[in-house]
């Protein structure tokens, strides 16, 4: 009898701050805006989307849509979720 396949949810693996930090570091190093947004959504789900919604004042459903694989969150939404998760966005000039 063939084994059943189970859907893998990367949010299940993000149990510690260190795991989350590494996951987000990898996303930002990719330079891919879509991947960064999707990764931020995965971290938000790992922490609890309902709690993130409450802290940001944004609707839970809107957060799920914004951070879906094909979502396109606004900068305002990204910043609100990052702050809720304890991250800050900074800019620095890269060296040539």
PDB file of N, CA and C in Angstrom:
ATOM      1  N   UNK A   1       0.849  -1.170   0.000  1.00  0.00           N
ATOM      2  CA  UNK A   1       0.000   0.000   0.000  1.00  0.00           C
ATOM      3  C   UNK A   1       0.905   1.247   0.000  1.00  0.00           C
ATOM      4  N   UNK A   2       0.675   2.198  -0.918  1.00  0.00           N
ATOM      5  CA  UNK A   2       1.519   3.397  -0.982  1.00  0.00           C
ATOM      6  C   UNK A   2       1.305   4.292   0.243  1.00  0.00           C
ATOM      7  N   UNK A   3       2.396   4.966   0.621  1.00  0.00           N
ATOM      8  CA  UNK A   3       2.309   5.888   1.756  1.00  0.00           C
ATOM      9  C   UNK A   3       1.607   7.168   1.325  1.00  0.00           C
ATOM     10  N   UNK A   4       0.882   7.749   2.262  1.00  0.00           N
ATOM     11  CA  UNK A   4       0.218   9.019   2.004  1.00  0.00           C
ATOM     12  C   UNK A   4       1.233  10.149   2.082  1.00  0.00           C
ATOM     13  N   UNK A   5       1.111  11.076   1.172  1.00  0.00           N
ATOM     14  CA  UNK A   5       1.944  12.265   1.227  1.00  0.00           C
ATOM     15  C   UNK A   5       1.254  13.312   2.091  1.00  0.00           C
ATOM     16  N   UNK A   6       2.036  13.996   2.877  1.00  0.00           N
ATOM     17  CA  UNK A   6       1.502  15.052   3.725  1.00  0.00           C
ATOM     18  C   UNK A   6       2.077  16.376   3.271  1.00  0.00           C
ATOM     19  N   UNK A   7       1.266  17.389   3.303  1.00  0.00           N
ATOM     20  CA  UNK A   7       1.732  18.722   2.919  1.00  0.00           C
ATOM     21  C   UNK A   7       2.754  19.197   3.948  1.00  0.00           C
ATOM     22  N   UNK A   8       3.835  19.767   3.453  1.00  0.00           N
ATOM     23  CA  UNK A   8       4.870  20.310   4.330  1.00  0.00           C
ATOM     24  C   UNK A   8       4.622  21.794   4.519  1.00  0.00           C
ATOM     25  N   UNK A   9       4.599  22.234   5.739  1.00  0.00           N
ATOM     26  CA  UNK A   9       4.436  23.645   6.046  1.00  0.00           C
ATOM     27  C   UNK A   9       5.709  24.121   6.725  1.00  0.00           C
ATOM     28  N   UNK A  10       6.501  24.977   6.064  1.00  0.00           N
ATOM     29  CA  UNK A  10       7.760  25.426   6.668  1.00  0.00           C
ATOM     30  C   UNK A  10       7.546  26.176   7.979  1.00  0.00           C
ATOM     31  N   UNK A  11       6.364  26.711   8.213  1.00  0.00           N
ATOM     32  CA  UNK A  11       6.090  27.397   9.475  1.00  0.00           C
ATOM     33  C   UNK A  11       6.247  26.447  10.659  1.00  0.00           C
ATOM     34  N   UNK A  12       5.994  25.158  10.431  1.00  0.00           N
ATOM     35  CA  UNK A  12       6.122  24.171  11.509  1.00  0.00           C
ATOM     36  C   UNK A  12       7.562  24.023  11.996  1.00  0.00           C
ATOM     37  N   UNK A  13       8.531  24.357  11.150  1.00  0.00           N
ATOM     38  CA  UNK A  13       9.944  24.207  11.511  1.00  0.00           C
ATOM     39  C   UNK A  13      10.499  25.438  12.228  1.00  0.00           C
ATOM     40  N   UNK A  14       9.742  26.499  12.261  1.00  0.00           N
ATOM     41  CA  UNK A  14      10.230  27.744  12.854  1.00  0.00           C
ATOM     42  C   UNK A  14       9.791  27.846  14.309  1.00  0.00           C
ATOM     43  N   UNK A  15      10.431  27.067  15.147  1.00  0.00           N
ATOM     44  CA  UNK A  15      10.050  26.968  16.556  1.00  0.00           C
ATOM     45  C   UNK A  15      10.840  27.904  17.465  1.00  0.00           C
ATOM     46  N   UNK A  16      11.972  28.415  16.980  1.00  0.00           N
ATOM     47  CA  UNK A  16      12.821  29.252  17.837  1.00  0.00           C
ATOM     48  C   UNK A  16      13.143  30.568  17.142  1.00  0.00           C
ATOM     49  N   UNK A  17      13.547  31.551  17.940  1.00  0.00           N
ATOM     50  CA  UNK A  17      13.960  32.827  17.370  1.00  0.00           C
ATOM     51  C   UNK A  17      15.161  32.641  16.448  1.00  0.00           C
ATOM     52  N   UNK A  18      16.071  31.749  16.817  1.00  0.00           N
ATOM     53  CA  UNK A  18      17.258  31.510  15.983  1.00  0.00           C
ATOM     54  C   UNK A  18      16.865  30.962  14.616  1.00  0.00           C
ATOM     55  N   UNK A  19      15.908  30.047  14.584  1.00  0.00           N
ATOM     56  CA  UNK A  19      15.448  29.479  13.312  1.00  0.00           C
ATOM     57  C   UNK A  19      14.773  30.553  12.469  1.00  0.00           C
ATOM     58  N   UNK A  20      13.976  31.384  13.101  1.00  0.00           N
ATOM     59  CA  UNK A  20      13.291  32.464  12.394  1.00  0.00           C
ATOM     60  C   UNK A  20      14.302  33.478  11.858  1.00  0.00           C
ATOM     61  N   UNK A  21      15.270  33.829  12.686  1.00  0.00           N
ATOM     62  CA  UNK A  21      16.296  34.782  12.261  1.00  0.00           C
ATOM     63  C   UNK A  21      17.052  34.268  11.042  1.00  0.00           C
ATOM     64  N   UNK A  22      17.423  33.012  11.059  1.00  0.00           N
ATOM     65  CA  UNK A  22      18.157  32.429   9.929  1.00  0.00           C
ATOM     66  C   UNK A  22      17.298  32.378   8.679  1.00  0.00           C
ATOM     67  N   UNK A  23      16.040  32.041   8.848  1.00  0.00           N
ATOM     68  CA  UNK A  23      15.105  31.973   7.734  1.00  0.00           C
ATOM     69  C   UNK A  23      14.947  33.344   7.081  1.00  0.00           C
ATOM     70  N   UNK A  24      14.764  34.385   7.902  1.00  0.00           N
ATOM     71  CA  UNK A  24      14.597  35.730   7.363  1.00  0.00           C
ATOM     72  C   UNK A  24      15.901  36.257   6.773  1.00  0.00           C
ATOM     73  N   UNK A  25      17.019  35.930   7.371  1.00  0.00           N
ATOM     74  CA  UNK A  25      18.319  36.342   6.824  1.00  0.00           C
ATOM     75  C   UNK A  25      18.494  35.775   5.418  1.00  0.00           C
ATOM     76  N   UNK A  26      18.177  34.512   5.257  1.00  0.00           N
ATOM     77  CA  UNK A  26      18.273  33.867   3.952  1.00  0.00           C
ATOM     78  C   UNK A  26      17.353  34.555   2.941  1.00  0.00           C
ATOM     79  N   UNK A  27      16.142  34.884   3.371  1.00  0.00           N
ATOM     80  CA  UNK A  27      15.187  35.536   2.472  1.00  0.00           C
ATOM     81  C   UNK A  27      15.723  36.891   2.009  1.00  0.00           C
ATOM     82  N   UNK A  28      16.221  37.694   2.938  1.00  0.00           N
ATOM     83  CA  UNK A  28      16.721  39.011   2.563  1.00  0.00           C
ATOM     84  C   UNK A  28      17.981  38.924   1.715  1.00  0.00           C
ATOM     85  N   UNK A  29      18.808  37.943   1.965  1.00  0.00           N
ATOM     86  CA  UNK A  29      20.017  37.775   1.159  1.00  0.00           C
ATOM     87  C   UNK A  29      19.695  37.384  -0.279  1.00  0.00           C
ATOM     88  N   UNK A  30      18.516  36.816  -0.497  1.00  0.00           N
ATOM     89  CA  UNK A  30      18.130  36.431  -1.855  1.00  0.00           C
ATOM     90  C   UNK A  30      17.899  37.658  -2.740  1.00  0.00           C
ATOM     91  N   UNK A  31      17.488  38.767  -2.130  1.00  0.00           N
ATOM     92  CA  UNK A  31      17.184  39.966  -2.884  1.00  0.00           C
ATOM     93  C   UNK A  31      15.902  39.872  -3.689  1.00  0.00           C
ATOM     94  N   UNK A  32      15.144  38.802  -3.526  1.00  0.00           N
ATOM     95  CA  UNK A  32      13.907  38.560  -4.264  1.00  0.00           C
ATOM     96  C   UNK A  32      12.723  39.048  -3.418  1.00  0.00           C
ATOM     97  N   UNK A  33      12.092  40.141  -3.854  1.00  0.00           N
ATOM     98  CA  UNK A  33      11.004  40.744  -3.084  1.00  0.00           C
ATOM     99  C   UNK A  33       9.859  39.765  -2.822  1.00  0.00           C
ATOM    100  N   UNK A  34       9.517  38.965  -3.812  1.00  0.00           N
ATOM    101  CA  UNK A  34       8.445  37.989  -3.638  1.00  0.00           C
ATOM    102  C   UNK A  34       8.788  36.932  -2.602  1.00  0.00           C
ATOM    103  N   UNK A  35      10.030  36.472  -2.636  1.00  0.00           N
ATOM    104  CA  UNK A  35      10.479  35.467  -1.666  1.00  0.00           C
ATOM    105  C   UNK A  35      10.514  36.056  -0.258  1.00  0.00           C
ATOM    106  N   UNK A  36      10.974  37.314  -0.147  1.00  0.00           N
ATOM    107  CA  UNK A  36      11.025  37.970   1.161  1.00  0.00           C
ATOM    108  C   UNK A  36       9.617  38.089   1.742  1.00  0.00           C
ATOM    109  N   UNK A  37       8.673  38.539   0.940  1.00  0.00           N
ATOM    110  CA  UNK A  37       7.293  38.691   1.408  1.00  0.00           C
ATOM    111  C   UNK A  37       6.702  37.349   1.809  1.00  0.00           C
ATOM    112  N   UNK A  38       6.941  36.328   0.988  1.00  0.00           N
ATOM    113  CA  UNK A  38       6.418  35.000   1.295  1.00  0.00           C
ATOM    114  C   UNK A  38       7.037  34.463   2.590  1.00  0.00           C
ATOM    115  N   UNK A  39       8.340  34.663   2.756  1.00  0.00           N
ATOM    116  CA  UNK A  39       9.021  34.216   3.975  1.00  0.00           C
ATOM    117  C   UNK A  39       8.469  34.936   5.197  1.00  0.00           C
ATOM    118  N   UNK A  40       8.201  36.217   5.065  1.00  0.00           N
ATOM    119  CA  UNK A  40       7.631  36.980   6.177  1.00  0.00           C
ATOM    120  C   UNK A  40       6.256  36.427   6.546  1.00  0.00           C
ATOM    121  N   UNK A  41       5.483  36.036   5.547  1.00  0.00           N
ATOM    122  CA  UNK A  41       4.184  35.421   5.811  1.00  0.00           C
ATOM    123  C   UNK A  41       4.307  34.086   6.515  1.00  0.00           C
ATOM    124  N   UNK A  42       5.318  33.308   6.151  1.00  0.00           N
ATOM    125  CA  UNK A  42       5.552  32.023   6.813  1.00  0.00           C
ATOM    126  C   UNK A  42       5.898  32.245   8.279  1.00  0.00           C
ATOM    127  N   UNK A  43       6.745  33.230   8.541  1.00  0.00           N
ATOM    128  CA  UNK A  43       7.112  33.541   9.928  1.00  0.00           C
ATOM    129  C   UNK A  43       5.883  34.026  10.699  1.00  0.00           C
ATOM    130  N   UNK A  44       5.063  34.842  10.066  1.00  0.00           N
ATOM    131  CA  UNK A  44       3.844  35.322  10.724  1.00  0.00           C
ATOM    132  C   UNK A  44       2.924  34.152  11.085  1.00  0.00           C
ATOM    133  N   UNK A  45       2.796  33.178  10.172  1.00  0.00           N
ATOM    134  CA  UNK A  45       1.974  31.996  10.476  1.00  0.00           C
ATOM    135  C   UNK A  45       2.590  31.188  11.609  1.00  0.00           C
ATOM    136  N   UNK A  46       3.919  31.100  11.632  1.00  0.00           N
ATOM    137  CA  UNK A  46       4.594  30.351  12.694  1.00  0.00           C
ATOM    138  C   UNK A  46       4.331  30.986  14.058  1.00  0.00           C
ATOM    139  N   UNK A  47       4.253  32.295  14.086  1.00  0.00           N
ATOM    140  CA  UNK A  47       4.018  33.017  15.339  1.00  0.00           C
ATOM    141  C   UNK A  47       2.543  33.126  15.685  1.00  0.00           C
ATOM    142  N   UNK A  48       1.682  32.948  14.691  1.00  0.00           N
ATOM    143  CA  UNK A  48       0.238  33.041  14.913  1.00  0.00           C
ATOM    144  C   UNK A  48      -0.352  34.239  14.205  1.00  0.00           C
ATOM    145  N   UNK A  49      -0.973  34.002  13.073  1.00  0.00           N
ATOM    146  CA  UNK A  49      -1.490  35.087  12.240  1.00  0.00           C
ATOM    147  C   UNK A  49      -2.557  35.891  12.968  1.00  0.00           C
ATOM    148  N   UNK A  50      -3.356  35.248  13.814  1.00  0.00           N
ATOM    149  CA  UNK A  50      -4.390  35.985  14.559  1.00  0.00           C
ATOM    150  C   UNK A  50      -3.752  36.998  15.504  1.00  0.00           C
ATOM    151  N   UNK A  51      -2.679  36.607  16.150  1.00  0.00           N
ATOM    152  CA  UNK A  51      -1.973  37.510  17.063  1.00  0.00           C
ATOM    153  C   UNK A  51      -1.330  38.656  16.289  1.00  0.00           C
ATOM    154  N   UNK A  52      -0.737  38.352  15.137  1.00  0.00           N
ATOM    155  CA  UNK A  52      -0.133  39.388  14.298  1.00  0.00           C
ATOM    156  C   UNK A  52      -1.216  40.370  13.843  1.00  0.00           C
ATOM    157  N   UNK A  53      -2.365  39.849  13.449  1.00  0.00           N
ATOM    158  CA  UNK A  53      -3.473  40.703  13.022  1.00  0.00           C
ATOM    159  C   UNK A  53      -3.899  41.638  14.149  1.00  0.00           C
ATOM    160  N   UNK A  54      -4.010  41.095  15.345  1.00  0.00           N
ATOM    161  CA  UNK A  54      -4.421  41.900  16.494  1.00  0.00           C
ATOM    162  C   UNK A  54      -3.392  42.994  16.773  1.00  0.00           C
ATOM    163  N   UNK A  55      -2.111  42.656  16.735  1.00  0.00           N
ATOM    164  CA  UNK A  55      -1.049  43.619  17.044  1.00  0.00           C
ATOM    165  C   UNK A  55      -0.919  44.702  15.981  1.00  0.00           C
ATOM    166  N   UNK A  56      -1.178  44.361  14.724  1.00  0.00           N
ATOM    167  CA  UNK A  56      -1.007  45.325  13.634  1.00  0.00           C
ATOM    168  C   UNK A  56      -2.279  46.089  13.307  1.00  0.00           C
ATOM    169  N   UNK A  57      -3.426  45.575  13.754  1.00  0.00           N
ATOM    170  CA  UNK A  57      -4.698  46.195  13.407  1.00  0.00           C
ATOM    171  C   UNK A  57      -5.148  45.852  11.997  1.00  0.00           C
ATOM    172  N   UNK A  58      -4.496  44.877  11.372  1.00  0.00           N
ATOM    173  CA  UNK A  58      -4.847  44.447  10.021  1.00  0.00           C
ATOM    174  C   UNK A  58      -5.690  43.179  10.088  1.00  0.00           C
ATOM    175  N   UNK A  59      -6.563  42.998   9.128  1.00  0.00           N
ATOM    176  CA  UNK A  59      -7.423  41.810   9.102  1.00  0.00           C
ATOM    177  C   UNK A  59      -6.596  40.563   8.817  1.00  0.00           C
ATOM    178  N   UNK A  60      -6.879  39.513   9.543  1.00  0.00           N
ATOM    179  CA  UNK A  60      -6.156  38.243   9.383  1.00  0.00           C
ATOM    180  C   UNK A  60      -6.225  37.750   7.945  1.00  0.00           C
ATOM    181  N   UNK A  61      -7.418  37.803   7.352  1.00  0.00           N
ATOM    182  CA  UNK A  61      -7.591  37.335   5.980  1.00  0.00           C
ATOM    183  C   UNK A  61      -6.748  38.159   5.001  1.00  0.00           C
ATOM    184  N   UNK A  62      -6.687  39.467   5.239  1.00  0.00           N
ATOM    185  CA  UNK A  62      -5.883  40.345   4.379  1.00  0.00           C
ATOM    186  C   UNK A  62      -4.400  40.002   4.509  1.00  0.00           C
ATOM    187  N   UNK A  63      -3.974  39.651   5.703  1.00  0.00           N
ATOM    188  CA  UNK A  63      -2.574  39.260   5.902  1.00  0.00           C
ATOM    189  C   UNK A  63      -2.263  37.973   5.150  1.00  0.00           C
ATOM    190  N   UNK A  64      -3.159  37.000   5.245  1.00  0.00           N
ATOM    191  CA  UNK A  64      -2.957  35.747   4.508  1.00  0.00           C
ATOM    192  C   UNK A  64      -2.842  36.015   3.010  1.00  0.00           C
ATOM    193  N   UNK A  65      -3.733  36.863   2.478  1.00  0.00           N
ATOM    194  CA  UNK A  65      -3.693  37.185   1.043  1.00  0.00           C
ATOM    195  C   UNK A  65      -2.412  37.937   0.678  1.00  0.00           C
ATOM    196  N   UNK A  66      -2.048  38.907   1.498  1.00  0.00           N
ATOM    197  CA  UNK A  66      -0.869  39.724   1.206  1.00  0.00           C
ATOM    198  C   UNK A  66       0.412  38.903   1.175  1.00  0.00           C
ATOM    199  N   UNK A  67       0.511  37.926   2.066  1.00  0.00           N
ATOM    200  CA  UNK A  67       1.750  37.167   2.196  1.00  0.00           C
ATOM    201  C   UNK A  67       1.681  35.774   1.578  1.00  0.00           C
ATOM    202  N   UNK A  68       0.651  35.540   0.773  1.00  0.00           N
ATOM    203  CA  UNK A  68       0.575  34.284   0.022  1.00  0.00           C
ATOM    204  C   UNK A  68       1.692  34.272  -1.019  1.00  0.00           C
ATOM    205  N   UNK A  69       1.946  33.121  -1.583  1.00  0.00           N
ATOM    206  CA  UNK A  69       3.023  32.983  -2.560  1.00  0.00           C
ATOM    207  C   UNK A  69       2.887  33.969  -3.713  1.00  0.00           C
ATOM    208  N   UNK A  70       1.657  34.269  -4.106  1.00  0.00           N
ATOM    209  CA  UNK A  70       1.446  35.229  -5.191  1.00  0.00           C
ATOM    210  C   UNK A  70       0.944  36.576  -4.677  1.00  0.00           C
ATOM    211  N   UNK A  71       1.083  36.816  -3.369  1.00  0.00           N
ATOM    212  CA  UNK A  71       0.641  38.068  -2.770  1.00  0.00           C
ATOM    213  C   UNK A  71       1.582  39.218  -3.105  1.00  0.00           C
ATOM    214  N   UNK A  72       1.121  40.413  -2.804  1.00  0.00           N
ATOM    215  CA  UNK A  72       1.919  41.609  -3.069  1.00  0.00           C
ATOM    216  C   UNK A  72       1.616  42.628  -1.972  1.00  0.00           C
ATOM    217  N   UNK A  73       2.197  42.431  -0.766  1.00  0.00           N
ATOM    218  CA  UNK A  73       1.877  43.326   0.342  1.00  0.00           C
ATOM    219  C   UNK A  73       2.439  44.731   0.117  1.00  0.00           C
ATOM    220  N   UNK A  74       1.760  45.705   0.682  1.00  0.00           N
ATOM    221  CA  UNK A  74       2.270  47.069   0.633  1.00  0.00           C
ATOM    222  C   UNK A  74       3.434  47.198   1.599  1.00  0.00           C
ATOM    223  N   UNK A  75       4.233  48.222   1.396  1.00  0.00           N
ATOM    224  CA  UNK A  75       5.345  48.470   2.313  1.00  0.00           C
ATOM    225  C   UNK A  75       4.821  48.710   3.724  1.00  0.00           C
ATOM    226  N   UNK A  76       3.699  49.399   3.831  1.00  0.00           N
ATOM    227  CA  UNK A  76       3.090  49.659   5.138  1.00  0.00           C
ATOM    228  C   UNK A  76       2.762  48.346   5.857  1.00  0.00           C
ATOM    229  N   UNK A  77       2.205  47.392   5.133  1.00  0.00           N
ATOM    230  CA  UNK A  77       1.883  46.090   5.712  1.00  0.00           C
ATOM    231  C   UNK A  77       3.146  45.338   6.097  1.00  0.00           C
ATOM    232  N   UNK A  78       4.132  45.343   5.230  1.00  0.00           N
ATOM    233  CA  UNK A  78       5.406  44.666   5.525  1.00  0.00           C
ATOM    234  C   UNK A  78       6.023  45.240   6.794  1.00  0.00           C
ATOM    235  N   UNK A  79       6.081  46.559   6.892  1.00  0.00           N
ATOM    236  CA  UNK A  79       6.683  47.192   8.067  1.00  0.00           C
ATOM    237  C   UNK A  79       5.903  46.882   9.339  1.00  0.00           C
ATOM    238  N   UNK A  80       4.579  46.887   9.257  1.00  0.00           N
ATOM    239  CA  UNK A  80       3.756  46.585  10.431  1.00  0.00           C
ATOM    240  C   UNK A  80       3.989  45.156  10.908  1.00  0.00           C
ATOM    241  N   UNK A  81       4.023  44.215   9.982  1.00  0.00           N
ATOM    242  CA  UNK A  81       4.231  42.816  10.353  1.00  0.00           C
ATOM    243  C   UNK A  81       5.657  42.611  10.886  1.00  0.00           C
ATOM    244  N   UNK A  82       6.624  43.223  10.236  1.00  0.00           N
ATOM    245  CA  UNK A  82       8.003  43.093  10.718  1.00  0.00           C
ATOM    246  C   UNK A  82       8.127  43.625  12.140  1.00  0.00           C
ATOM    247  N   UNK A  83       7.534  44.783  12.411  1.00  0.00           N
ATOM    248  CA  UNK A  83       7.588  45.349  13.761  1.00  0.00           C
ATOM    249  C   UNK A  83       6.910  44.409  14.758  1.00  0.00           C
ATOM    250  N   UNK A  84       5.774  43.861  14.385  1.00  0.00           N
ATOM    251  CA  UNK A  84       5.057  42.938  15.253  1.00  0.00           C
ATOM    252  C   UNK A  84       5.899  41.705  15.585  1.00  0.00           C
ATOM    253  N   UNK A  85       6.722  41.293  14.613  1.00  0.00           N
ATOM    254  CA  UNK A  85       7.570  40.113  14.811  1.00  0.00           C
ATOM    255  C   UNK A  85       8.897  40.444  15.485  1.00  0.00           C
ATOM    256  N   UNK A  86       9.144  41.728  15.734  1.00  0.00           N
ATOM    257  CA  UNK A  86      10.372  42.125  16.399  1.00  0.00           C
ATOM    258  C   UNK A  86      11.522  42.421  15.445  1.00  0.00           C
ATOM    259  N   UNK A  87      11.216  42.605  14.174  1.00  0.00           N
ATOM    260  CA  UNK A  87      12.239  42.933  13.180  1.00  0.00           C
ATOM    261  C   UNK A  87      12.147  44.407  12.818  1.00  0.00           C
ATOM    262  N   UNK A  88      13.245  44.952  12.368  1.00  0.00           N
ATOM    263  CA  UNK A  88      13.230  46.304  11.837  1.00  0.00           C
ATOM    264  C   UNK A  88      13.901  46.284  10.477  1.00  0.00           C
ATOM    265  N   UNK A  89      13.464  47.171   9.632  1.00  0.00           N
ATOM    266  CA  UNK A  89      14.032  47.283   8.294  1.00  0.00           C
ATOM    267  C   UNK A  89      14.971  48.470   8.302  1.00  0.00           C
ATOM    268  N   UNK A  90      16.210  48.248   7.951  1.00  0.00           N
ATOM    269  CA  UNK A  90      17.184  49.323   7.881  1.00  0.00           C
ATOM    270  C   UNK A  90      17.820  49.334   6.506  1.00  0.00           C
ATOM    271  N   UNK A  91      18.380  50.460   6.164  1.00  0.00           N
ATOM    272  CA  UNK A  91      19.055  50.570   4.878  1.00  0.00           C
ATOM    273  C   UNK A  91      20.504  50.970   5.121  1.00  0.00           C
ATOM    274  N   UNK A  92      21.376  50.357   4.369  1.00  0.00           N
ATOM    275  CA  UNK A  92      22.776  50.750   4.427  1.00  0.00           C
ATOM    276  C   UNK A  92      23.333  50.642   3.014  1.00  0.00           C
ATOM    277  N   UNK A  93      24.255  51.515   2.741  1.00  0.00           N
ATOM    278  CA  UNK A  93      24.875  51.531   1.427  1.00  0.00           C
ATOM    279  C   UNK A  93      25.809  50.336   1.337  1.00  0.00           C
ATOM    280  N   UNK A  94      25.704  49.586   0.253  1.00  0.00           N
ATOM    281  CA  UNK A  94      26.594  48.437   0.114  1.00  0.00           C
ATOM    282  C   UNK A  94      27.923  48.915  -0.428  1.00  0.00           C
ATOM    283  N   UNK A  95      28.972  48.225  -0.050  1.00  0.00           N
ATOM    284  CA  UNK A  95      30.307  48.627  -0.493  1.00  0.00           C
ATOM    285  C   UNK A  95      30.547  48.155  -1.911  1.00  0.00           C
ATOM    286  N   UNK A  96      31.240  48.982  -2.659  1.00  0.00           N
ATOM    287  CA  UNK A  96      31.487  48.703  -4.080  1.00  0.00           C
ATOM    288  C   UNK A  96      32.561  47.663  -4.283  1.00  0.00           C
TER     289      UNK A  96
END
